[in-house]
Amino acid sequence: MPRLTPDAMTDAQRAVYDAITGGDRGTGPQHFPLTAADGALNGPFAAFLLSPPVGDALQQLGAAVRYRTALTDRQREVAILLVAARWRSDFERASHEAVGRAAGLDERELDALRVENPSAFTGAERVVAHTVIALLDGDLDDAAWAAAVSALDRPVVFELTTLVGYYATLALQLRVFRVPAGV
């Protein structure tokens, strides 16, 4: 994966870079480094620069599912970490475990998420975990749908399914482009 520094980017790439580093990801709390010391983007964000129109759409969707949903921080991180576990995405797991800890997830809960075990959670967080696992398995059956809508509401189920799809996309890209944790 080529790692572009800001001075080597086209105008279109630089616009995506600026949207990523100047948006919610860059201005909020940093639980993992968004850029390397030379300014190159880390993780999946470096791949976004390969196709600025698609990369910009992805970064906008990512910002929405990460910062502007009705999911609590803990619920969101439970979902992301389950996707990371299923896809064996080291970068997502390492970076979002740090975010999860900041959101209040403890080591017992993180251990459970690594093996896709929802039993460490209760209430709506357990429903989120069961829903994500069902989505990763392919679909929600009627009982899982009813439980999700009852605990979370339809708009939140929509947000959760979108989040799962987005992070599955990132996990695939991270694997295809061989991006290790911490890069």
Protein backbone atom coordinates (compact mmCIF):
# COMPACT_ATOMS: atom_id res chain seq x y z
CA MET A 1 0.00 0.00 0.00
CA PRO A 2 1.60 3.29 -1.01
CA ARG A 3 1.68 5.75 1.86
CA LEU A 4 1.24 9.25 0.53
CA THR A 5 2.51 12.23 2.44
CA PRO A 6 0.49 15.44 2.08
CA ASP A 7 3.08 17.02 -0.24
CA ALA A 8 2.79 14.09 -2.70
CA MET A 9 -1.01 14.14 -3.03
CA THR A 10 -3.13 15.36 -5.90
CA ASP A 11 -5.68 18.07 -5.15
CA ALA A 12 -8.46 15.45 -4.99
CA GLN A 13 -6.43 13.26 -2.61
CA ARG A 14 -5.60 16.26 -0.47
CA ALA A 15 -9.30 17.15 -0.20
CA VAL A 16 -10.06 13.67 1.16
CA TYR A 17 -7.04 13.87 3.48
CA ASP A 18 -8.21 17.24 4.80
CA ALA A 19 -11.75 15.93 5.33
CA ILE A 20 -10.39 13.01 7.35
CA THR A 21 -7.82 14.90 9.41
CA GLY A 22 -9.92 18.03 9.84
CA GLY A 23 -13.22 16.29 10.55
CA ASP A 24 -14.54 14.47 13.60
CA ARG A 25 -11.73 11.89 13.49
CA GLY A 26 -9.00 14.51 13.56
CA THR A 27 -10.54 16.96 15.98
CA GLY A 28 -11.97 14.53 18.54
CA PRO A 29 -10.15 12.42 21.12
CA GLN A 30 -7.30 10.43 19.59
CA HIS A 31 -7.20 6.86 20.92
CA PHE A 32 -5.02 5.68 18.04
CA PRO A 33 -2.83 7.71 15.65
CA LEU A 34 -4.70 8.88 12.55
CA THR A 35 -1.46 9.84 10.80
CA ALA A 36 2.15 8.78 10.91
CA ALA A 37 4.95 11.17 11.84
CA ASP A 38 5.40 12.09 8.16
CA GLY A 39 1.71 12.99 7.84
CA ALA A 40 0.69 9.89 5.86
CA LEU A 41 -2.69 8.44 6.86
CA ASN A 42 -2.73 5.24 8.91
CA GLY A 43 -4.95 2.22 8.53
CA PRO A 44 -7.80 2.12 6.03
CA PHE A 45 -7.64 5.86 5.46
CA ALA A 46 -4.49 5.54 3.31
CA ALA A 47 -6.47 3.36 0.88
CA PHE A 48 -9.20 6.01 0.64
CA LEU A 49 -6.73 8.14 -1.30
CA LEU A 50 -6.49 5.56 -4.11
CA SER A 51 -9.90 6.66 -5.39
CA PRO A 52 -10.81 10.06 -3.98
CA PRO A 53 -14.51 9.94 -4.99
CA VAL A 54 -15.04 6.55 -3.34
CA GLY A 55 -12.67 7.36 -0.49
CA ASP A 56 -14.52 10.56 0.30
CA ALA A 57 -17.88 8.78 0.28
CA LEU A 58 -16.47 6.13 2.61
CA GLN A 59 -14.94 8.65 4.98
CA GLN A 60 -18.25 10.54 5.16
CA LEU A 61 -20.16 7.34 5.88
CA GLY A 62 -17.56 6.34 8.47
CA ALA A 63 -17.82 9.68 10.24
CA ALA A 64 -21.60 9.36 10.31
CA VAL A 65 -21.66 5.83 11.77
CA ARG A 66 -18.90 6.61 14.24
CA TYR A 67 -19.98 10.04 15.48
CA ARG A 68 -23.60 10.71 14.55
CA THR A 69 -25.74 7.70 15.42
CA ALA A 70 -28.02 7.05 18.37
CA LEU A 71 -25.84 4.13 19.45
CA THR A 72 -24.00 4.72 22.71
CA ASP A 73 -20.22 4.75 22.56
CA ARG A 74 -20.14 1.34 24.23
CA GLN A 75 -22.75 -0.13 21.86
CA ARG A 76 -20.86 1.20 18.85
CA GLU A 77 -17.56 -0.25 20.03
CA VAL A 78 -19.17 -3.61 20.84
CA ALA A 79 -20.40 -3.72 17.24
CA ILE A 80 -17.09 -2.64 15.70
CA LEU A 81 -15.07 -5.07 17.79
CA LEU A 82 -17.34 -7.97 16.84
CA VAL A 83 -16.84 -7.13 13.16
CA ALA A 84 -13.07 -6.97 13.78
CA ALA A 85 -13.16 -10.36 15.50
CA ARG A 86 -15.17 -12.01 12.73
CA TRP A 87 -12.97 -10.60 9.97
CA ARG A 88 -9.76 -11.09 12.01
CA SER A 89 -8.89 -7.46 11.38
CA ASP A 90 -5.88 -6.66 13.56
CA PHE A 91 -5.94 -2.94 12.79
CA GLU A 92 -9.64 -2.55 13.65
CA ARG A 93 -9.26 -4.67 16.76
CA ALA A 94 -6.22 -2.85 18.10
CA SER A 95 -7.47 0.64 17.32
CA HIS A 96 -11.03 0.08 18.51
CA GLU A 97 -10.01 -1.74 21.67
CA ALA A 98 -8.35 1.54 22.65
CA VAL A 99 -11.55 3.43 21.77
CA GLY A 100 -13.60 0.80 23.61
CA ARG A 101 -11.52 1.15 26.76
CA ALA A 102 -12.08 4.90 26.64
CA ALA A 103 -15.82 4.19 26.31
CA GLY A 104 -15.71 2.03 29.44
CA LEU A 105 -15.26 -1.51 28.12
CA ASP A 106 -13.21 -3.58 30.56
CA GLU A 107 -10.77 -6.39 29.80
CA ARG A 108 -13.34 -9.12 30.50
CA GLU A 109 -15.67 -7.55 27.95
CA LEU A 110 -12.88 -7.09 25.40
CA ASP A 111 -11.86 -10.73 25.85
CA ALA A 112 -15.48 -11.78 25.20
CA LEU A 113 -15.67 -9.67 22.05
CA ARG A 114 -12.47 -11.22 20.67
CA VAL A 115 -14.25 -14.59 20.64
CA GLU A 116 -17.69 -13.21 19.64
CA ASN A 117 -19.22 -14.06 23.01
CA PRO A 118 -22.11 -11.69 23.88
CA SER A 119 -22.59 -13.14 27.39
CA ALA A 120 -20.43 -10.43 28.98
CA PHE A 121 -23.12 -7.85 28.17
CA THR A 122 -26.63 -7.15 29.38
CA GLY A 123 -29.62 -5.19 28.18
CA ALA A 124 -29.34 -3.26 24.94
CA GLU A 125 -25.60 -3.99 24.67
CA ARG A 126 -26.34 -7.72 24.58
CA VAL A 127 -29.01 -7.11 21.94
CA VAL A 128 -26.47 -5.14 19.90
CA ALA A 129 -23.98 -8.02 20.20
CA HIS A 130 -26.54 -10.66 19.19
CA THR A 131 -27.75 -8.48 16.32
CA VAL A 132 -24.23 -7.92 15.00
CA ILE A 133 -23.40 -11.62 15.18
CA ALA A 134 -26.61 -12.45 13.30
CA LEU A 135 -25.75 -9.84 10.66
CA LEU A 136 -22.25 -11.25 10.32
CA ASP A 137 -23.84 -14.68 9.88
CA GLY A 138 -25.95 -13.25 7.06
CA ASP A 139 -29.32 -11.93 8.31
CA LEU A 140 -31.69 -11.32 11.19
CA ASP A 141 -34.44 -13.89 11.59
CA ASP A 142 -37.86 -12.68 12.76
CA ALA A 143 -37.07 -13.20 16.45
CA ALA A 144 -33.75 -11.36 16.20
CA TRP A 145 -35.42 -8.53 14.26
CA ALA A 146 -38.14 -8.22 16.90
CA ALA A 147 -35.59 -8.20 19.73
CA ALA A 148 -33.45 -5.58 17.98
CA VAL A 149 -36.36 -3.27 17.18
CA SER A 150 -37.78 -3.64 20.67
CA ALA A 151 -34.50 -2.79 22.40
CA LEU A 152 -33.04 -0.31 19.92
CA ASP A 153 -35.82 1.10 17.67
CA ARG A 154 -35.94 0.87 13.87
CA PRO A 155 -33.71 3.88 13.10
CA VAL A 156 -30.99 2.52 15.40
CA VAL A 157 -31.24 -0.93 13.79
CA PHE A 158 -30.74 0.83 10.44
CA GLU A 159 -27.69 2.65 11.84
CA LEU A 160 -26.33 -0.59 13.30
CA THR A 161 -26.67 -2.53 10.05
CA THR A 162 -24.94 0.31 8.22
CA LEU A 163 -22.14 0.36 10.80
CA VAL A 164 -21.61 -3.40 10.42
CA GLY A 165 -21.44 -3.08 6.64
CA TYR A 166 -19.04 -0.14 6.80
CA TYR A 167 -16.62 -1.83 9.20
CA ALA A 168 -16.82 -5.09 7.24
CA THR A 169 -15.79 -3.08 4.16
CA LEU A 170 -12.84 -1.61 6.05
CA ALA A 171 -11.80 -5.03 7.35
CA LEU A 172 -11.82 -6.40 3.81
CA GLN A 173 -9.77 -3.47 2.50
CA LEU A 174 -7.30 -3.74 5.37
CA ARG A 175 -6.80 -7.42 4.61
CA VAL A 176 -6.53 -7.02 0.84
CA PHE A 177 -4.01 -4.18 1.17
CA ARG A 178 -2.16 -6.02 3.99
CA VAL A 179 -2.37 -3.16 6.50
CA PRO A 180 -1.05 -4.39 9.86
CA ALA A 181 -2.17 -3.10 13.24
CA GLY A 182 -0.54 0.19 14.16
CA VAL A 183 0.07 1.38 10.57
